[in-house]
Amino acid sequence: MFADNTLAFIGSGIMAEAMIRGLINQKLVDPKQIISSDPRADRAQELQAQYGIQVTSDNTEAAEKGDIIILAVKPQVLSKVMPDIRGHLRRRNLLLSILAGAPIKTIADGLAHAAVVRAMPNTPAQIGKGITVWTSTPEVSEEQKRQAQAILGALGQE
């Protein structure tokens, strides 16, 4: 399902790490298929050492390398992150947001990107026992929906 895809995490907090860990542990992706951006070099190095993923401090670089972009930043930094990735998403990219408090329309309009999945994982997702609810824009293809389900399934049930 993800053989030729790179997953780009914009933000690498607790929930992003839970997703990365689940995806790798369930062998859905090879660690080299994941790139994560974080402005803190120590956090990026920690994830690289623990999981063998690619890391960067540049959101634009991560977005450009990704086929599936996972938006996993805190709500208060969304307005700072959107300009970094707006215009760098390709039409075929899936954008999966796990961002709390940002409506799907805000994300789609702010990034000028139509194929958006918005998901709300709960706290037990951090240990792979979560339940995640999600919705998508009409532009998300059936294949992209299956990809979103697989990614969110790494956190527990979706």
N, C-alpha and C. Protein backbone atom coordinates (compact mmCIF):
# COMPACT_ATOMS: atom_id res chain seq x y z
N MET A 1 0.81 -1.21 0.00
CA MET A 1 0.00 0.00 0.00
C MET A 1 0.85 1.27 0.00
N PHE A 2 1.99 1.21 0.70
CA PHE A 2 2.86 2.39 0.79
C PHE A 2 4.21 2.16 0.12
N ALA A 3 4.33 1.15 -0.71
CA ALA A 3 5.62 0.75 -1.28
C ALA A 3 6.38 1.90 -1.92
N ASP A 4 5.70 2.76 -2.63
CA ASP A 4 6.38 3.85 -3.32
C ASP A 4 6.09 5.21 -2.70
N ASN A 5 5.60 5.22 -1.47
CA ASN A 5 5.20 6.47 -0.83
C ASN A 5 6.16 6.88 0.26
N THR A 6 6.35 8.18 0.38
CA THR A 6 7.04 8.76 1.51
C THR A 6 6.01 9.47 2.36
N LEU A 7 6.06 9.22 3.67
CA LEU A 7 5.16 9.88 4.61
C LEU A 7 5.92 11.01 5.27
N ALA A 8 5.40 12.21 5.17
CA ALA A 8 6.05 13.39 5.73
C ALA A 8 5.24 13.89 6.92
N PHE A 9 5.85 13.88 8.07
CA PHE A 9 5.21 14.40 9.28
C PHE A 9 5.66 15.84 9.47
N ILE A 10 4.69 16.74 9.50
CA ILE A 10 4.96 18.14 9.81
C ILE A 10 4.64 18.27 11.29
N GLY A 11 5.67 18.28 12.10
CA GLY A 11 5.52 18.22 13.54
C GLY A 11 5.87 16.82 14.03
N SER A 12 6.53 16.75 15.17
CA SER A 12 6.97 15.43 15.65
C SER A 12 6.76 15.30 17.16
N GLY A 13 5.58 15.67 17.59
CA GLY A 13 5.24 15.55 19.00
C GLY A 13 4.85 14.14 19.39
N ILE A 14 4.15 14.02 20.49
CA ILE A 14 3.80 12.72 21.05
C ILE A 14 2.94 11.90 20.10
N MET A 15 1.91 12.52 19.52
CA MET A 15 1.01 11.76 18.65
C MET A 15 1.70 11.39 17.33
N ALA A 16 2.51 12.30 16.79
CA ALA A 16 3.27 11.96 15.58
C ALA A 16 4.20 10.79 15.85
N GLU A 17 4.87 10.81 17.00
CA GLU A 17 5.76 9.70 17.33
C GLU A 17 4.98 8.40 17.48
N ALA A 18 3.79 8.46 18.08
CA ALA A 18 2.97 7.25 18.21
C ALA A 18 2.63 6.69 16.83
N MET A 19 2.33 7.57 15.89
CA MET A 19 2.02 7.12 14.53
C MET A 19 3.25 6.50 13.87
N ILE A 20 4.39 7.17 14.01
CA ILE A 20 5.64 6.67 13.43
C ILE A 20 5.96 5.29 14.00
N ARG A 21 5.89 5.18 15.32
CA ARG A 21 6.18 3.90 15.98
C ARG A 21 5.22 2.81 15.49
N GLY A 22 3.93 3.11 15.44
CA GLY A 22 2.95 2.13 14.99
C GLY A 22 3.16 1.70 13.55
N LEU A 23 3.43 2.66 12.68
CA LEU A 23 3.66 2.34 11.26
C LEU A 23 4.87 1.43 11.07
N ILE A 24 5.93 1.71 11.82
CA ILE A 24 7.15 0.91 11.70
C ILE A 24 6.95 -0.46 12.37
N ASN A 25 6.38 -0.47 13.58
CA ASN A 25 6.19 -1.74 14.29
C ASN A 25 5.26 -2.69 13.55
N GLN A 26 4.27 -2.13 12.87
CA GLN A 26 3.35 -2.97 12.10
C GLN A 26 3.88 -3.26 10.69
N LYS A 27 5.09 -2.77 10.42
CA LYS A 27 5.76 -3.00 9.14
C LYS A 27 4.94 -2.50 7.94
N LEU A 28 4.21 -1.41 8.17
CA LEU A 28 3.47 -0.79 7.07
C LEU A 28 4.39 0.03 6.18
N VAL A 29 5.46 0.53 6.77
CA VAL A 29 6.46 1.29 6.01
C VAL A 29 7.84 0.97 6.55
N ASP A 30 8.83 1.18 5.72
CA ASP A 30 10.22 1.11 6.13
C ASP A 30 10.56 2.48 6.75
N PRO A 31 11.38 2.52 7.78
CA PRO A 31 11.72 3.81 8.38
C PRO A 31 12.23 4.85 7.37
N LYS A 32 12.90 4.40 6.33
CA LYS A 32 13.43 5.34 5.33
C LYS A 32 12.32 5.99 4.50
N GLN A 33 11.10 5.49 4.62
CA GLN A 33 9.96 6.09 3.91
C GLN A 33 9.31 7.21 4.71
N ILE A 34 9.87 7.51 5.88
CA ILE A 34 9.30 8.55 6.74
C ILE A 34 10.29 9.69 6.87
N ILE A 35 9.78 10.91 6.72
CA ILE A 35 10.54 12.11 7.03
C ILE A 35 9.70 12.93 8.01
N SER A 36 10.35 13.47 9.02
CA SER A 36 9.65 14.26 10.02
C SER A 36 10.36 15.59 10.19
N SER A 37 9.57 16.65 10.26
CA SER A 37 10.17 17.97 10.48
C SER A 37 9.88 18.44 11.90
N ASP A 38 10.87 19.04 12.49
CA ASP A 38 10.74 19.62 13.82
C ASP A 38 11.77 20.74 13.93
N PRO A 39 11.38 21.88 14.49
CA PRO A 39 12.34 22.98 14.60
C PRO A 39 13.42 22.72 15.65
N ARG A 40 13.19 21.74 16.53
CA ARG A 40 14.16 21.44 17.59
C ARG A 40 15.09 20.32 17.14
N ALA A 41 16.34 20.65 16.96
CA ALA A 41 17.32 19.67 16.48
C ALA A 41 17.42 18.46 17.40
N ASP A 42 17.33 18.68 18.72
CA ASP A 42 17.45 17.56 19.65
C ASP A 42 16.29 16.57 19.48
N ARG A 43 15.10 17.08 19.24
CA ARG A 43 13.94 16.20 19.03
C ARG A 43 14.10 15.42 17.72
N ALA A 44 14.52 16.10 16.68
CA ALA A 44 14.72 15.44 15.39
C ALA A 44 15.77 14.33 15.51
N GLN A 45 16.87 14.63 16.18
CA GLN A 45 17.93 13.63 16.35
C GLN A 45 17.46 12.44 17.18
N GLU A 46 16.63 12.72 18.17
CA GLU A 46 16.08 11.65 19.01
C GLU A 46 15.24 10.68 18.17
N LEU A 47 14.37 11.22 17.32
CA LEU A 47 13.53 10.38 16.47
C LEU A 47 14.36 9.62 15.43
N GLN A 48 15.35 10.29 14.89
CA GLN A 48 16.22 9.64 13.90
C GLN A 48 16.97 8.47 14.54
N ALA A 49 17.50 8.68 15.74
CA ALA A 49 18.25 7.63 16.42
C ALA A 49 17.34 6.47 16.83
N GLN A 50 16.15 6.78 17.30
CA GLN A 50 15.26 5.73 17.79
C GLN A 50 14.59 4.92 16.69
N TYR A 51 14.22 5.60 15.58
CA TYR A 51 13.42 4.92 14.55
C TYR A 51 14.11 4.79 13.19
N GLY A 52 15.22 5.48 12.99
CA GLY A 52 15.92 5.40 11.71
C GLY A 52 15.24 6.15 10.58
N ILE A 53 14.40 7.14 10.94
CA ILE A 53 13.69 7.93 9.93
C ILE A 53 14.54 9.10 9.46
N GLN A 54 14.12 9.73 8.37
CA GLN A 54 14.75 10.96 7.90
C GLN A 54 14.18 12.12 8.72
N VAL A 55 15.00 13.10 9.00
CA VAL A 55 14.53 14.27 9.75
C VAL A 55 15.03 15.55 9.09
N THR A 56 14.31 16.62 9.37
CA THR A 56 14.68 17.94 8.88
C THR A 56 14.07 18.98 9.81
N SER A 57 14.61 20.17 9.77
CA SER A 57 14.00 21.29 10.50
C SER A 57 13.16 22.13 9.55
N ASP A 58 13.11 21.74 8.29
CA ASP A 58 12.47 22.53 7.23
C ASP A 58 11.14 21.89 6.80
N ASN A 59 10.03 22.53 7.17
CA ASN A 59 8.71 22.01 6.80
C ASN A 59 8.52 21.91 5.30
N THR A 60 9.06 22.88 4.57
CA THR A 60 8.94 22.87 3.11
C THR A 60 9.62 21.64 2.53
N GLU A 61 10.81 21.34 3.00
CA GLU A 61 11.54 20.16 2.52
C GLU A 61 10.74 18.89 2.78
N ALA A 62 10.19 18.77 3.97
CA ALA A 62 9.41 17.58 4.30
C ALA A 62 8.19 17.47 3.39
N ALA A 63 7.48 18.58 3.20
CA ALA A 63 6.28 18.57 2.35
C ALA A 63 6.63 18.19 0.91
N GLU A 64 7.73 18.72 0.41
CA GLU A 64 8.12 18.43 -0.97
C GLU A 64 8.52 16.97 -1.16
N LYS A 65 9.08 16.35 -0.13
CA LYS A 65 9.50 14.95 -0.23
C LYS A 65 8.35 13.98 -0.01
N GLY A 66 7.28 14.45 0.61
CA GLY A 66 6.20 13.56 0.99
C GLY A 66 5.18 13.31 -0.10
N ASP A 67 4.64 12.10 -0.10
CA ASP A 67 3.48 11.76 -0.92
C ASP A 67 2.22 11.87 -0.07
N ILE A 68 2.36 11.50 1.19
CA ILE A 68 1.29 11.65 2.17
C ILE A 68 1.85 12.57 3.25
N ILE A 69 1.17 13.68 3.47
CA ILE A 69 1.63 14.68 4.43
C ILE A 69 0.75 14.57 5.67
N ILE A 70 1.37 14.36 6.83
CA ILE A 70 0.63 14.28 8.08
C ILE A 70 0.90 15.56 8.86
N LEU A 71 -0.13 16.35 9.02
CA LEU A 71 -0.04 17.62 9.73
C LEU A 71 -0.28 17.34 11.21
N ALA A 72 0.79 17.44 12.00
CA ALA A 72 0.73 17.03 13.41
C ALA A 72 1.35 18.09 14.31
N VAL A 73 0.97 19.33 14.08
CA VAL A 73 1.49 20.43 14.89
C VAL A 73 0.44 20.87 15.91
N LYS A 74 0.86 21.67 16.85
CA LYS A 74 -0.07 22.24 17.82
C LYS A 74 -0.90 23.31 17.13
N PRO A 75 -2.16 23.47 17.54
CA PRO A 75 -3.04 24.44 16.87
C PRO A 75 -2.48 25.86 16.82
N GLN A 76 -1.76 26.25 17.86
CA GLN A 76 -1.25 27.62 17.91
C GLN A 76 -0.12 27.89 16.91
N VAL A 77 0.45 26.86 16.31
CA VAL A 77 1.51 27.10 15.32
C VAL A 77 1.03 26.86 13.88
N LEU A 78 -0.23 26.50 13.72
CA LEU A 78 -0.75 26.24 12.37
C LEU A 78 -0.53 27.42 11.44
N SER A 79 -0.81 28.63 11.91
CA SER A 79 -0.67 29.81 11.04
C SER A 79 0.78 30.06 10.64
N LYS A 80 1.73 29.58 11.41
CA LYS A 80 3.15 29.72 11.07
C LYS A 80 3.60 28.62 10.11
N VAL A 81 2.98 27.46 10.21
CA VAL A 81 3.37 26.30 9.41
C VAL A 81 2.76 26.34 8.01
N MET A 82 1.52 26.81 7.90
CA MET A 82 0.83 26.78 6.60
C MET A 82 1.61 27.47 5.49
N PRO A 83 2.19 28.65 5.71
CA PRO A 83 2.95 29.28 4.62
C PRO A 83 4.17 28.45 4.19
N ASP A 84 4.71 27.65 5.10
CA ASP A 84 5.86 26.80 4.77
C ASP A 84 5.51 25.72 3.75
N ILE A 85 4.27 25.23 3.80
CA ILE A 85 3.91 24.11 2.92
C ILE A 85 2.92 24.48 1.82
N ARG A 86 2.27 25.62 1.95
CA ARG A 86 1.34 26.05 0.90
C ARG A 86 2.12 26.23 -0.40
N GLY A 87 1.60 25.68 -1.47
CA GLY A 87 2.27 25.78 -2.76
C GLY A 87 3.30 24.69 -3.00
N HIS A 88 3.54 23.86 -1.98
CA HIS A 88 4.53 22.78 -2.13
C HIS A 88 3.87 21.41 -2.14
N LEU A 89 2.55 21.39 -2.08
CA LEU A 89 1.82 20.13 -2.16
C LEU A 89 1.43 19.89 -3.60
N ARG A 90 1.57 18.65 -4.03
CA ARG A 90 1.16 18.28 -5.39
C ARG A 90 -0.28 17.80 -5.36
N ARG A 91 -0.92 17.88 -6.48
CA ARG A 91 -2.33 17.51 -6.60
C ARG A 91 -2.59 16.08 -6.10
N ARG A 92 -1.64 15.18 -6.31
CA ARG A 92 -1.83 13.78 -5.92
C ARG A 92 -1.56 13.52 -4.43
N ASN A 93 -1.04 14.52 -3.72
CA ASN A 93 -0.75 14.34 -2.29
C ASN A 93 -2.03 14.21 -1.47
N LEU A 94 -1.96 13.36 -0.47
CA LEU A 94 -2.99 13.30 0.56
C LEU A 94 -2.47 14.09 1.75
N LEU A 95 -3.28 14.97 2.28
CA LEU A 95 -2.94 15.68 3.51
C LEU A 95 -3.82 15.11 4.62
N LEU A 96 -3.19 14.55 5.64
CA LEU A 96 -3.91 13.99 6.78
C LEU A 96 -3.60 14.86 7.99
N SER A 97 -4.61 15.49 8.54
CA SER A 97 -4.41 16.37 9.69
C SER A 97 -4.89 15.70 10.97
N ILE A 98 -4.03 15.69 11.98
CA ILE A 98 -4.43 15.23 13.31
C ILE A 98 -4.46 16.42 14.27
N LEU A 99 -4.54 17.58 13.70
CA LEU A 99 -4.52 18.84 14.42
C LEU A 99 -5.86 19.10 15.10
N ALA A 100 -5.84 19.38 16.37
CA ALA A 100 -7.08 19.68 17.10
C ALA A 100 -7.51 21.12 16.81
N GLY A 101 -8.81 21.32 16.72
CA GLY A 101 -9.36 22.66 16.66
C GLY A 101 -9.29 23.38 15.33
N ALA A 102 -8.88 22.71 14.27
CA ALA A 102 -8.81 23.37 12.96
C ALA A 102 -9.77 22.66 12.01
N PRO A 103 -10.84 23.33 11.62
CA PRO A 103 -11.79 22.71 10.69
C PRO A 103 -11.13 22.31 9.37
N ILE A 104 -11.68 21.30 8.74
CA ILE A 104 -11.13 20.78 7.49
C ILE A 104 -11.09 21.88 6.42
N LYS A 105 -12.08 22.76 6.40
CA LYS A 105 -12.11 23.86 5.43
C LYS A 105 -10.96 24.83 5.66
N THR A 106 -10.65 25.11 6.91
CA THR A 106 -9.53 26.00 7.24
C THR A 106 -8.23 25.43 6.70
N ILE A 107 -8.05 24.14 6.88
CA ILE A 107 -6.82 23.48 6.41
C ILE A 107 -6.78 23.46 4.89
N ALA A 108 -7.86 23.03 4.26
CA ALA A 108 -7.91 22.94 2.79
C ALA A 108 -7.71 24.32 2.16
N ASP A 109 -8.41 25.32 2.67
CA ASP A 109 -8.29 26.67 2.11
C ASP A 109 -6.91 27.27 2.40
N GLY A 110 -6.44 27.09 3.63
CA GLY A 110 -5.16 27.66 4.02
C GLY A 110 -3.98 27.08 3.27
N LEU A 111 -4.12 25.84 2.83
CA LEU A 111 -3.03 25.19 2.10
C LEU A 111 -3.30 25.12 0.60
N ALA A 112 -4.46 25.61 0.18
CA ALA A 112 -4.87 25.55 -1.23
C ALA A 112 -4.73 24.12 -1.75
N HIS A 113 -5.25 23.19 -0.97
CA HIS A 113 -5.14 21.77 -1.30
C HIS A 113 -6.47 21.09 -0.98
N ALA A 114 -7.00 20.37 -1.95
CA ALA A 114 -8.35 19.84 -1.82
C ALA A 114 -8.45 18.49 -1.12
N ALA A 115 -7.47 17.61 -1.28
CA ALA A 115 -7.56 16.24 -0.74
C ALA A 115 -7.08 16.21 0.71
N VAL A 116 -8.02 16.40 1.63
CA VAL A 116 -7.69 16.50 3.05
C VAL A 116 -8.52 15.50 3.86
N VAL A 117 -7.83 14.79 4.76
CA VAL A 117 -8.48 13.96 5.76
C VAL A 117 -8.22 14.62 7.10
N ARG A 118 -9.27 14.79 7.88
CA ARG A 118 -9.11 15.34 9.23
C ARG A 118 -9.45 14.23 10.21
N ALA A 119 -8.53 13.97 11.12
CA ALA A 119 -8.68 12.89 12.08
C ALA A 119 -8.50 13.41 13.50
N MET A 120 -9.20 12.78 14.42
CA MET A 120 -9.08 13.13 15.84
C MET A 120 -8.77 11.88 16.65
N PRO A 121 -7.47 11.56 16.78
CA PRO A 121 -7.10 10.42 17.62
C PRO A 121 -7.27 10.79 19.10
N ASN A 122 -7.55 9.79 19.94
CA ASN A 122 -7.66 10.07 21.37
C ASN A 122 -6.38 9.64 22.09
N THR A 123 -6.29 9.98 23.37
CA THR A 123 -5.06 9.77 24.13
C THR A 123 -4.54 8.33 24.12
N PRO A 124 -5.39 7.29 24.24
CA PRO A 124 -4.85 5.92 24.20
C PRO A 124 -4.14 5.57 22.89
N ALA A 125 -4.31 6.40 21.88
CA ALA A 125 -3.60 6.18 20.61
C ALA A 125 -2.09 6.19 20.82
N GLN A 126 -1.65 6.87 21.88
CA GLN A 126 -0.21 6.95 22.15
C GLN A 126 0.40 5.59 22.45
N ILE A 127 -0.44 4.64 22.85
CA ILE A 127 0.05 3.29 23.12
C ILE A 127 -0.59 2.26 22.19
N GLY A 128 -1.11 2.75 21.06
CA GLY A 128 -1.68 1.85 20.06
C GLY A 128 -3.05 1.30 20.40
N LYS A 129 -3.72 1.90 21.37
CA LYS A 129 -5.02 1.42 21.83
C LYS A 129 -6.11 2.46 21.62
N GLY A 130 -5.87 3.40 20.73
CA GLY A 130 -6.81 4.50 20.54
C GLY A 130 -7.96 4.18 19.61
N ILE A 131 -8.88 5.10 19.60
CA ILE A 131 -9.97 5.10 18.64
C ILE A 131 -9.93 6.45 17.95
N THR A 132 -9.85 6.44 16.65
CA THR A 132 -9.73 7.67 15.88
C THR A 132 -10.95 7.82 14.98
N VAL A 133 -11.56 8.99 15.05
CA VAL A 133 -12.64 9.31 14.11
C VAL A 133 -12.05 10.21 13.03
N TRP A 134 -12.56 10.08 11.82
CA TRP A 134 -12.02 10.90 10.74
C TRP A 134 -13.07 11.17 9.69
N THR A 135 -12.80 12.21 8.91
CA THR A 135 -13.65 12.58 7.79
C THR A 135 -12.74 13.07 6.67
N SER A 136 -13.30 13.19 5.48
CA SER A 136 -12.47 13.64 4.36
C SER A 136 -13.26 14.56 3.45
N THR A 137 -12.52 15.32 2.67
CA THR A 137 -13.14 16.13 1.64
C THR A 137 -13.53 15.22 0.48
N PRO A 138 -14.46 15.65 -0.36
CA PRO A 138 -14.88 14.81 -1.49
C PRO A 138 -13.74 14.50 -2.47
N GLU A 139 -12.70 15.29 -2.46
CA GLU A 139 -11.58 15.10 -3.40
C GLU A 139 -10.65 13.96 -3.01
N VAL A 140 -10.81 13.41 -1.82
CA VAL A 140 -9.97 12.29 -1.39
C VAL A 140 -10.43 11.03 -2.11
N SER A 141 -9.50 10.38 -2.81
CA SER A 141 -9.84 9.18 -3.58
C SER A 141 -10.05 7.98 -2.66
N GLU A 142 -10.61 6.92 -3.21
CA GLU A 142 -10.80 5.69 -2.43
C GLU A 142 -9.46 5.12 -1.98
N GLU A 143 -8.46 5.16 -2.85
CA GLU A 143 -7.13 4.68 -2.49
C GLU A 143 -6.56 5.52 -1.34
N GLN A 144 -6.72 6.83 -1.41
CA GLN A 144 -6.24 7.70 -0.33
C GLN A 144 -6.99 7.42 0.97
N LYS A 145 -8.27 7.12 0.89
CA LYS A 145 -9.02 6.76 2.10
C LYS A 145 -8.47 5.48 2.71
N ARG A 146 -8.14 4.50 1.88
CA ARG A 146 -7.55 3.25 2.39
C ARG A 146 -6.20 3.54 3.05
N GLN A 147 -5.42 4.43 2.44
CA GLN A 147 -4.14 4.80 3.03
C GLN A 147 -4.34 5.47 4.39
N ALA A 148 -5.29 6.39 4.46
CA ALA A 148 -5.59 7.07 5.73
C ALA A 148 -6.01 6.05 6.78
N GLN A 149 -6.86 5.10 6.40
CA GLN A 149 -7.30 4.07 7.34
C GLN A 149 -6.11 3.26 7.87
N ALA A 150 -5.19 2.91 7.00
CA ALA A 150 -4.02 2.14 7.42
C ALA A 150 -3.14 2.95 8.37
N ILE A 151 -2.93 4.21 8.05
CA ILE A 151 -2.10 5.07 8.91
C ILE A 151 -2.76 5.23 10.27
N LEU A 152 -4.04 5.54 10.28
CA LEU A 152 -4.75 5.74 11.54
C LEU A 152 -4.90 4.43 12.31
N GLY A 153 -4.94 3.32 11.60
CA GLY A 153 -5.00 2.02 12.24
C GLY A 153 -3.75 1.72 13.05
N ALA A 154 -2.65 2.39 12.74
CA ALA A 154 -1.42 2.22 13.51
C ALA A 154 -1.57 2.76 14.93
N LEU A 155 -2.62 3.54 15.17
CA LEU A 155 -2.88 4.11 16.49
C LEU A 155 -3.90 3.29 17.29
N GLY A 156 -4.48 2.30 16.66
CA GLY A 156 -5.54 1.51 17.29
C GLY A 156 -6.66 1.31 16.30
N GLN A 157 -7.88 1.56 16.72
CA GLN A 157 -9.04 1.42 15.84
C GLN A 157 -9.33 2.76 15.17
N GLU A 158 -9.84 2.67 13.94
CA GLU A 158 -10.27 3.90 13.27
C GLU A 158 -11.70 3.75 12.83
